[in-house]
């Protein structure tokens, strides 16, 4: 039901973070992409089960020209969010 709820609010872009990068984050990412969401994984806000799995797990996101979306840093995500127009929730 989460996909339907996000769709009802017109949300098409997702920022993903969490653990484990190579399992849970990837599973969520692939499901979201299959449902038509545009996804960006916040690389430094994820962690793999073993440190040596982190870089390959993040690299797999960008294969085939970004098939599964992109990867950014927390600083880049915050800057992008701050650049969005402010929504007046009281007027909505």
PDB file of N, CA and C in Angstrom:
ATOM      1  N   UNK A   1       0.811  -1.205   0.000  1.00  0.00           N
ATOM      2  CA  UNK A   1       0.000   0.000   0.000  1.00  0.00           C
ATOM      3  C   UNK A   1       0.855   1.270   0.000  1.00  0.00           C
ATOM      4  N   UNK A   2       2.138   1.142   0.339  1.00  0.00           N
ATOM      5  CA  UNK A   2       2.989   2.330   0.359  1.00  0.00           C
ATOM      6  C   UNK A   2       3.079   2.962  -1.029  1.00  0.00           C
ATOM      7  N   UNK A   3       3.236   2.149  -2.062  1.00  0.00           N
ATOM      8  CA  UNK A   3       3.316   2.680  -3.416  1.00  0.00           C
ATOM      9  C   UNK A   3       2.078   3.459  -3.792  1.00  0.00           C
ATOM     10  N   UNK A   4       0.908   2.934  -3.438  1.00  0.00           N
ATOM     11  CA  UNK A   4      -0.348   3.626  -3.735  1.00  0.00           C
ATOM     12  C   UNK A   4      -0.459   4.926  -2.959  1.00  0.00           C
ATOM     13  N   UNK A   5      -0.036   4.907  -1.717  1.00  0.00           N
ATOM     14  CA  UNK A   5      -0.079   6.115  -0.890  1.00  0.00           C
ATOM     15  C   UNK A   5       0.836   7.195  -1.451  1.00  0.00           C
ATOM     16  N   UNK A   6       2.062   6.818  -1.807  1.00  0.00           N
ATOM     17  CA  UNK A   6       2.987   7.787  -2.397  1.00  0.00           C
ATOM     18  C   UNK A   6       2.429   8.336  -3.697  1.00  0.00           C
ATOM     19  N   UNK A   7       1.868   7.454  -4.516  1.00  0.00           N
ATOM     20  CA  UNK A   7       1.273   7.882  -5.774  1.00  0.00           C
ATOM     21  C   UNK A   7       0.118   8.843  -5.572  1.00  0.00           C
ATOM     22  N   UNK A   8      -0.689   8.601  -4.540  1.00  0.00           N
ATOM     23  CA  UNK A   8      -1.829   9.475  -4.253  1.00  0.00           C
ATOM     24  C   UNK A   8      -1.378  10.890  -3.918  1.00  0.00           C
ATOM     25  N   UNK A   9      -0.187  11.016  -3.361  1.00  0.00           N
ATOM     26  CA  UNK A   9       0.367  12.335  -3.037  1.00  0.00           C
ATOM     27  C   UNK A   9       1.220  12.887  -4.182  1.00  0.00           C
ATOM     28  N   UNK A  10       1.282  12.174  -5.288  1.00  0.00           N
ATOM     29  CA  UNK A  10       2.046  12.638  -6.443  1.00  0.00           C
ATOM     30  C   UNK A  10       3.545  12.485  -6.287  1.00  0.00           C
ATOM     31  N   UNK A  11       3.976  11.659  -5.382  1.00  0.00           N
ATOM     32  CA  UNK A  11       5.412  11.456  -5.156  1.00  0.00           C
ATOM     33  C   UNK A  11       5.933  10.452  -6.169  1.00  0.00           C
ATOM     34  N   UNK A  12       6.934  10.852  -6.938  1.00  0.00           N
ATOM     35  CA  UNK A  12       7.533   9.988  -7.953  1.00  0.00           C
ATOM     36  C   UNK A  12       9.026   9.805  -7.733  1.00  0.00           C
ATOM     37  N   UNK A  13       9.621  10.593  -6.843  1.00  0.00           N
ATOM     38  CA  UNK A  13      11.066  10.509  -6.594  1.00  0.00           C
ATOM     39  C   UNK A  13      11.295  10.110  -5.148  1.00  0.00           C
ATOM     40  N   UNK A  14      12.229   9.189  -4.952  1.00  0.00           N
ATOM     41  CA  UNK A  14      12.528   8.696  -3.609  1.00  0.00           C
ATOM     42  C   UNK A  14      14.015   8.809  -3.308  1.00  0.00           C
ATOM     43  N   UNK A  15      14.322   9.141  -2.067  1.00  0.00           N
ATOM     44  CA  UNK A  15      15.682   9.053  -1.530  1.00  0.00           C
ATOM     45  C   UNK A  15      15.714   7.825  -0.634  1.00  0.00           C
ATOM     46  N   UNK A  16      16.700   6.961  -0.852  1.00  0.00           N
ATOM     47  CA  UNK A  16      16.798   5.744  -0.066  1.00  0.00           C
ATOM     48  C   UNK A  16      18.047   5.752   0.798  1.00  0.00           C
ATOM     49  N   UNK A  17      17.915   5.229   2.005  1.00  0.00           N
ATOM     50  CA  UNK A  17      19.049   5.045   2.891  1.00  0.00           C
ATOM     51  C   UNK A  17      18.727   3.859   3.800  1.00  0.00           C
ATOM     52  N   UNK A  18      19.703   3.368   4.523  1.00  0.00           N
ATOM     53  CA  UNK A  18      19.451   2.272   5.451  1.00  0.00           C
ATOM     54  C   UNK A  18      20.497   1.191   5.387  1.00  0.00           C
ATOM     55  N   UNK A  19      20.180   0.087   6.008  1.00  0.00           N
ATOM     56  CA  UNK A  19      21.048  -1.089   6.026  1.00  0.00           C
ATOM     57  C   UNK A  19      20.195  -2.291   5.643  1.00  0.00           C
ATOM     58  N   UNK A  20      20.706  -3.259   5.108  1.00  0.00           N
ATOM     59  CA  UNK A  20      22.006  -3.440   4.506  1.00  0.00           C
ATOM     60  C   UNK A  20      21.957  -3.025   3.040  1.00  0.00           C
ATOM     61  N   UNK A  21      22.993  -2.338   2.610  1.00  0.00           N
ATOM     62  CA  UNK A  21      22.998  -1.786   1.260  1.00  0.00           C
ATOM     63  C   UNK A  21      22.785  -2.869   0.220  1.00  0.00           C
ATOM     64  N   UNK A  22      23.511  -3.968   0.333  1.00  0.00           N
ATOM     65  CA  UNK A  22      23.488  -5.000  -0.705  1.00  0.00           C
ATOM     66  C   UNK A  22      22.264  -5.917  -0.642  1.00  0.00           C
ATOM     67  N   UNK A  23      21.444  -5.772   0.382  1.00  0.00           N
ATOM     68  CA  UNK A  23      20.253  -6.622   0.488  1.00  0.00           C
ATOM     69  C   UNK A  23      19.002  -5.752   0.612  1.00  0.00           C
ATOM     70  N   UNK A  24      18.761  -5.198   1.767  1.00  0.00           N
ATOM     71  CA  UNK A  24      17.512  -4.463   2.021  1.00  0.00           C
ATOM     72  C   UNK A  24      17.382  -3.209   1.156  1.00  0.00           C
ATOM     73  N   UNK A  25      18.437  -2.410   1.092  1.00  0.00           N
ATOM     74  CA  UNK A  25      18.364  -1.188   0.291  1.00  0.00           C
ATOM     75  C   UNK A  25      18.177  -1.545  -1.181  1.00  0.00           C
ATOM     76  N   UNK A  26      18.952  -2.517  -1.673  1.00  0.00           N
ATOM     77  CA  UNK A  26      18.815  -2.934  -3.069  1.00  0.00           C
ATOM     78  C   UNK A  26      17.426  -3.490  -3.360  1.00  0.00           C
ATOM     79  N   UNK A  27      16.882  -4.288  -2.463  1.00  0.00           N
ATOM     80  CA  UNK A  27      15.542  -4.856  -2.678  1.00  0.00           C
ATOM     81  C   UNK A  27      14.495  -3.749  -2.760  1.00  0.00           C
ATOM     82  N   UNK A  28      14.565  -2.799  -1.849  1.00  0.00           N
ATOM     83  CA  UNK A  28      13.627  -1.674  -1.856  1.00  0.00           C
ATOM     84  C   UNK A  28      13.800  -0.850  -3.125  1.00  0.00           C
ATOM     85  N   UNK A  29      15.040  -0.589  -3.490  1.00  0.00           N
ATOM     86  CA  UNK A  29      15.356   0.192  -4.682  1.00  0.00           C
ATOM     87  C   UNK A  29      14.789  -0.470  -5.932  1.00  0.00           C
ATOM     88  N   UNK A  30      15.025  -1.745  -6.100  1.00  0.00           N
ATOM     89  CA  UNK A  30      14.571  -2.445  -7.313  1.00  0.00           C
ATOM     90  C   UNK A  30      13.053  -2.503  -7.384  1.00  0.00           C
ATOM     91  N   UNK A  31      12.413  -2.731  -6.252  1.00  0.00           N
ATOM     92  CA  UNK A  31      10.947  -2.745  -6.225  1.00  0.00           C
ATOM     93  C   UNK A  31      10.390  -1.365  -6.584  1.00  0.00           C
ATOM     94  N   UNK A  32      11.001  -0.321  -6.044  1.00  0.00           N
ATOM     95  CA  UNK A  32      10.547   1.041  -6.335  1.00  0.00           C
ATOM     96  C   UNK A  32      10.733   1.372  -7.816  1.00  0.00           C
ATOM     97  N   UNK A  33      11.869   1.002  -8.375  1.00  0.00           N
ATOM     98  CA  UNK A  33      12.121   1.259  -9.799  1.00  0.00           C
ATOM     99  C   UNK A  33      11.108   0.496 -10.650  1.00  0.00           C
ATOM    100  N   UNK A  34      10.832  -0.763 -10.288  1.00  0.00           N
ATOM    101  CA  UNK A  34       9.845  -1.555 -11.020  1.00  0.00           C
ATOM    102  C   UNK A  34       8.461  -0.905 -10.977  1.00  0.00           C
ATOM    103  N   UNK A  35       8.191  -0.145  -9.911  1.00  0.00           N
ATOM    104  CA  UNK A  35       6.893   0.524  -9.774  1.00  0.00           C
ATOM    105  C   UNK A  35       6.891   1.928 -10.383  1.00  0.00           C
ATOM    106  N   UNK A  36       8.005   2.302 -11.032  1.00  0.00           N
ATOM    107  CA  UNK A  36       8.045   3.563 -11.751  1.00  0.00           C
ATOM    108  C   UNK A  36       8.595   4.751 -10.991  1.00  0.00           C
ATOM    109  N   UNK A  37       9.135   4.532  -9.798  1.00  0.00           N
ATOM    110  CA  UNK A  37       9.713   5.637  -9.039  1.00  0.00           C
ATOM    111  C   UNK A  37      11.125   5.927  -9.532  1.00  0.00           C
ATOM    112  N   UNK A  38      11.516   7.184  -9.454  1.00  0.00           N
ATOM    113  CA  UNK A  38      12.882   7.614  -9.748  1.00  0.00           C
ATOM    114  C   UNK A  38      13.608   7.636  -8.406  1.00  0.00           C
ATOM    115  N   UNK A  39      14.691   6.885  -8.311  1.00  0.00           N
ATOM    116  CA  UNK A  39      15.338   6.684  -7.003  1.00  0.00           C
ATOM    117  C   UNK A  39      16.766   7.182  -6.970  1.00  0.00           C
ATOM    118  N   UNK A  40      17.123   7.738  -5.828  1.00  0.00           N
ATOM    119  CA  UNK A  40      18.498   8.105  -5.533  1.00  0.00           C
ATOM    120  C   UNK A  40      18.837   7.515  -4.180  1.00  0.00           C
ATOM    121  N   UNK A  41      19.942   6.786  -4.133  1.00  0.00           N
ATOM    122  CA  UNK A  41      20.407   6.193  -2.886  1.00  0.00           C
ATOM    123  C   UNK A  41      21.436   7.124  -2.260  1.00  0.00           C
ATOM    124  N   UNK A  42      21.254   7.429  -1.000  1.00  0.00           N
ATOM    125  CA  UNK A  42      22.185   8.294  -0.278  1.00  0.00           C
ATOM    126  C   UNK A  42      23.300   7.388   0.244  1.00  0.00           C
ATOM    127  N   UNK A  43      24.391   7.338  -0.502  1.00  0.00           N
ATOM    128  CA  UNK A  43      25.449   6.361  -0.273  1.00  0.00           C
ATOM    129  C   UNK A  43      26.057   6.385   1.112  1.00  0.00           C
ATOM    130  N   UNK A  44      26.288   7.571   1.659  1.00  0.00           N
ATOM    131  CA  UNK A  44      26.899   7.636   2.987  1.00  0.00           C
ATOM    132  C   UNK A  44      25.862   7.538   4.101  1.00  0.00           C
ATOM    133  N   UNK A  45      24.616   7.271   3.734  1.00  0.00           N
ATOM    134  CA  UNK A  45      23.563   7.015   4.719  1.00  0.00           C
ATOM    135  C   UNK A  45      23.075   5.574   4.583  1.00  0.00           C
ATOM    136  N   UNK A  46      23.935   4.727   4.005  1.00  0.00           N
ATOM    137  CA  UNK A  46      23.693   3.298   3.917  1.00  0.00           C
ATOM    138  C   UNK A  46      24.909   2.572   4.465  1.00  0.00           C
ATOM    139  N   UNK A  47      24.726   1.317   4.806  1.00  0.00           N
ATOM    140  CA  UNK A  47      25.847   0.506   5.285  1.00  0.00           C
ATOM    141  C   UNK A  47      25.629  -0.934   4.867  1.00  0.00           C
ATOM    142  N   UNK A  48      26.688  -1.567   4.413  1.00  0.00           N
ATOM    143  CA  UNK A  48      26.638  -2.964   4.009  1.00  0.00           C
ATOM    144  C   UNK A  48      26.890  -3.869   5.212  1.00  0.00           C
ATOM    145  N   UNK A  49      26.558  -5.132   5.041  1.00  0.00           N
ATOM    146  CA  UNK A  49      26.777  -6.089   6.128  1.00  0.00           C
ATOM    147  C   UNK A  49      28.258  -6.262   6.433  1.00  0.00           C
ATOM    148  N   UNK A  50      29.079  -6.067   5.419  1.00  0.00           N
ATOM    149  CA  UNK A  50      30.531  -6.100   5.581  1.00  0.00           C
ATOM    150  C   UNK A  50      31.088  -4.918   4.799  1.00  0.00           C
ATOM    151  N   UNK A  51      32.037  -4.207   5.369  1.00  0.00           N
ATOM    152  CA  UNK A  51      32.530  -2.982   4.722  1.00  0.00           C
ATOM    153  C   UNK A  51      32.963  -3.165   3.266  1.00  0.00           C
ATOM    154  N   UNK A  52      33.519  -4.293   2.943  1.00  0.00           N
ATOM    155  CA  UNK A  52      33.997  -4.516   1.567  1.00  0.00           C
ATOM    156  C   UNK A  52      32.858  -4.698   0.561  1.00  0.00           C
ATOM    157  N   UNK A  53      31.646  -4.847   1.024  1.00  0.00           N
ATOM    158  CA  UNK A  53      30.500  -4.962   0.123  1.00  0.00           C
ATOM    159  C   UNK A  53      29.898  -3.608  -0.245  1.00  0.00           C
ATOM    160  N   UNK A  54      30.222  -2.569   0.510  1.00  0.00           N
ATOM    161  CA  UNK A  54      29.582  -1.266   0.315  1.00  0.00           C
ATOM    162  C   UNK A  54      29.842  -0.665  -1.069  1.00  0.00           C
ATOM    163  N   UNK A  55      31.103  -0.525  -1.441  1.00  0.00           N
ATOM    164  CA  UNK A  55      31.421   0.116  -2.733  1.00  0.00           C
ATOM    165  C   UNK A  55      30.834  -0.653  -3.909  1.00  0.00           C
ATOM    166  N   UNK A  56      30.969  -1.985  -3.977  1.00  0.00           N
ATOM    167  CA  UNK A  56      30.341  -2.694  -5.095  1.00  0.00           C
ATOM    168  C   UNK A  56      28.816  -2.574  -5.104  1.00  0.00           C
ATOM    169  N   UNK A  57      28.194  -2.576  -3.939  1.00  0.00           N
ATOM    170  CA  UNK A  57      26.728  -2.455  -3.868  1.00  0.00           C
ATOM    171  C   UNK A  57      26.281  -1.101  -4.412  1.00  0.00           C
ATOM    172  N   UNK A  58      27.004  -0.041  -4.062  1.00  0.00           N
ATOM    173  CA  UNK A  58      26.661   1.290  -4.579  1.00  0.00           C
ATOM    174  C   UNK A  58      26.948   1.380  -6.075  1.00  0.00           C
ATOM    175  N   UNK A  59      28.036   0.753  -6.522  1.00  0.00           N
ATOM    176  CA  UNK A  59      28.388   0.792  -7.943  1.00  0.00           C
ATOM    177  C   UNK A  59      27.336   0.095  -8.795  1.00  0.00           C
ATOM    178  N   UNK A  60      26.712  -0.945  -8.283  1.00  0.00           N
ATOM    179  CA  UNK A  60      25.701  -1.680  -9.039  1.00  0.00           C
ATOM    180  C   UNK A  60      24.468  -0.829  -9.328  1.00  0.00           C
ATOM    181  N   UNK A  61      24.224   0.196  -8.540  1.00  0.00           N
ATOM    182  CA  UNK A  61      23.051   1.042  -8.743  1.00  0.00           C
ATOM    183  C   UNK A  61      23.150   1.807 -10.060  1.00  0.00           C
ATOM    184  N   UNK A  62      24.334   2.221 -10.419  1.00  0.00           N
ATOM    185  CA  UNK A  62      24.515   3.038 -11.607  1.00  0.00           C
ATOM    186  C   UNK A  62      24.745   2.273 -12.898  1.00  0.00           C
ATOM    187  N   UNK A  63      24.630   0.925 -12.883  1.00  0.00           N
ATOM    188  CA  UNK A  63      24.896   0.157 -14.092  1.00  0.00           C
ATOM    189  C   UNK A  63      23.906   0.505 -15.193  1.00  0.00           C
ATOM    190  N   UNK A  64      24.321   0.248 -16.420  1.00  0.00           N
ATOM    191  CA  UNK A  64      23.464   0.463 -17.584  1.00  0.00           C
ATOM    192  C   UNK A  64      22.922   1.890 -17.649  1.00  0.00           C
ATOM    193  N   UNK A  65      23.781   2.846 -17.355  1.00  0.00           N
ATOM    194  CA  UNK A  65      23.368   4.244 -17.446  1.00  0.00           C
ATOM    195  C   UNK A  65      22.429   4.688 -16.345  1.00  0.00           C
ATOM    196  N   UNK A  66      22.542   4.061 -15.188  1.00  0.00           N
ATOM    197  CA  UNK A  66      21.699   4.457 -14.064  1.00  0.00           C
ATOM    198  C   UNK A  66      20.368   3.729 -14.038  1.00  0.00           C
ATOM    199  N   UNK A  67      20.373   2.488 -14.454  1.00  0.00           N
ATOM    200  CA  UNK A  67      19.148   1.682 -14.511  1.00  0.00           C
ATOM    201  C   UNK A  67      18.376   1.705 -13.198  1.00  0.00           C
ATOM    202  N   UNK A  68      19.108   1.668 -12.078  1.00  0.00           N
ATOM    203  CA  UNK A  68      18.456   1.657 -10.772  1.00  0.00           C
ATOM    204  C   UNK A  68      18.526   3.008 -10.076  1.00  0.00           C
ATOM    205  N   UNK A  69      18.819   4.051 -10.826  1.00  0.00           N
ATOM    206  CA  UNK A  69      18.861   5.378 -10.241  1.00  0.00           C
ATOM    207  C   UNK A  69      20.273   5.887 -10.084  1.00  0.00           C
ATOM    208  N   UNK A  70      20.439   6.750  -9.102  1.00  0.00           N
ATOM    209  CA  UNK A  70      21.740   7.355  -8.860  1.00  0.00           C
ATOM    210  C   UNK A  70      22.131   7.224  -7.409  1.00  0.00           C
ATOM    211  N   UNK A  71      23.330   7.675  -7.133  1.00  0.00           N
ATOM    212  CA  UNK A  71      23.866   7.682  -5.771  1.00  0.00           C
ATOM    213  C   UNK A  71      24.351   9.093  -5.483  1.00  0.00           C
ATOM    214  N   UNK A  72      24.066   9.588  -4.300  1.00  0.00           N
ATOM    215  CA  UNK A  72      24.550  10.896  -3.886  1.00  0.00           C
ATOM    216  C   UNK A  72      25.000  10.812  -2.434  1.00  0.00           C
ATOM    217  N   UNK A  73      25.581  11.887  -1.952  1.00  0.00           N
ATOM    218  CA  UNK A  73      25.984  11.987  -0.542  1.00  0.00           C
ATOM    219  C   UNK A  73      24.855  12.636   0.254  1.00  0.00           C
ATOM    220  N   UNK A  74      24.949  12.555   1.560  1.00  0.00           N
ATOM    221  CA  UNK A  74      23.978  13.227   2.423  1.00  0.00           C
ATOM    222  C   UNK A  74      23.989  14.729   2.157  1.00  0.00           C
ATOM    223  N   UNK A  75      25.178  15.312   2.020  1.00  0.00           N
ATOM    224  CA  UNK A  75      25.273  16.752   1.760  1.00  0.00           C
ATOM    225  C   UNK A  75      24.567  17.113   0.455  1.00  0.00           C
ATOM    226  N   UNK A  76      24.736  16.299  -0.579  1.00  0.00           N
ATOM    227  CA  UNK A  76      24.080  16.568  -1.856  1.00  0.00           C
ATOM    228  C   UNK A  76      22.556  16.423  -1.736  1.00  0.00           C
ATOM    229  N   UNK A  77      22.109  15.429  -0.990  1.00  0.00           N
ATOM    230  CA  UNK A  77      20.671  15.227  -0.787  1.00  0.00           C
ATOM    231  C   UNK A  77      20.057  16.411  -0.042  1.00  0.00           C
ATOM    232  N   UNK A  78      20.729  16.864   1.009  1.00  0.00           N
ATOM    233  CA  UNK A  78      20.222  17.999   1.786  1.00  0.00           C
ATOM    234  C   UNK A  78      20.192  19.258   0.926  1.00  0.00           C
ATOM    235  N   UNK A  79      21.234  19.478   0.145  1.00  0.00           N
ATOM    236  CA  UNK A  79      21.266  20.656  -0.728  1.00  0.00           C
ATOM    237  C   UNK A  79      20.136  20.607  -1.749  1.00  0.00           C
ATOM    238  N   UNK A  80      19.884  19.441  -2.328  1.00  0.00           N
ATOM    239  CA  UNK A  80      18.803  19.304  -3.304  1.00  0.00           C
ATOM    240  C   UNK A  80      17.445  19.537  -2.650  1.00  0.00           C
ATOM    241  N   UNK A  81      17.254  19.011  -1.458  1.00  0.00           N
ATOM    242  CA  UNK A  81      15.991  19.224  -0.746  1.00  0.00           C
ATOM    243  C   UNK A  81      15.802  20.684  -0.375  1.00  0.00           C
ATOM    244  N   UNK A  82      16.876  21.338   0.054  1.00  0.00           N
ATOM    245  CA  UNK A  82      16.783  22.758   0.411  1.00  0.00           C
ATOM    246  C   UNK A  82      16.503  23.636  -0.797  1.00  0.00           C
ATOM    247  N   UNK A  83      16.861  23.165  -1.987  1.00  0.00           N
ATOM    248  CA  UNK A  83      16.641  23.939  -3.208  1.00  0.00           C
ATOM    249  C   UNK A  83      15.204  23.830  -3.725  1.00  0.00           C
ATOM    250  N   UNK A  84      14.442  22.887  -3.185  1.00  0.00           N
ATOM    251  CA  UNK A  84      13.046  22.730  -3.612  1.00  0.00           C
ATOM    252  C   UNK A  84      12.211  23.908  -3.149  1.00  0.00           C
ATOM    253  N   UNK A  85      11.191  24.249  -3.917  1.00  0.00           N
ATOM    254  CA  UNK A  85      10.302  25.313  -3.472  1.00  0.00           C
ATOM    255  C   UNK A  85       9.600  24.900  -2.183  1.00  0.00           C
ATOM    256  N   UNK A  86       9.414  25.841  -1.297  1.00  0.00           N
ATOM    257  CA  UNK A  86       8.726  25.589  -0.029  1.00  0.00           C
ATOM    258  C   UNK A  86       7.240  25.451  -0.272  1.00  0.00           C
ATOM    259  N   UNK A  87       6.634  24.496   0.379  1.00  0.00           N
ATOM    260  CA  UNK A  87       5.198  24.279   0.273  1.00  0.00           C
ATOM    261  C   UNK A  87       4.524  24.881   1.499  1.00  0.00           C
ATOM    262  N   UNK A  88       3.533  25.699   1.259  1.00  0.00           N
ATOM    263  CA  UNK A  88       2.765  26.274   2.370  1.00  0.00           C
ATOM    264  C   UNK A  88       1.692  25.262   2.751  1.00  0.00           C
ATOM    265  N   UNK A  89       1.967  24.474   3.779  1.00  0.00           N
ATOM    266  CA  UNK A  89       1.044  23.401   4.184  1.00  0.00           C
ATOM    267  C   UNK A  89      -0.260  23.950   4.728  1.00  0.00           C
ATOM    268  N   UNK A  90      -0.244  25.147   5.275  1.00  0.00           N
ATOM    269  CA  UNK A  90      -1.483  25.728   5.807  1.00  0.00           C
ATOM    270  C   UNK A  90      -2.447  26.085   4.684  1.00  0.00           C
ATOM    271  N   UNK A  91      -1.932  26.438   3.519  1.00  0.00           N
ATOM    272  CA  UNK A  91      -2.777  26.802   2.400  1.00  0.00           C
ATOM    273  C   UNK A  91      -3.312  25.569   1.659  1.00  0.00           C
ATOM    274  N   UNK A  92      -2.657  24.437   1.861  1.00  0.00           N
ATOM    275  CA  UNK A  92      -3.044  23.204   1.138  1.00  0.00           C
ATOM    276  C   UNK A  92      -4.304  22.580   1.679  1.00  0.00           C
TER     277      UNK A  92
END
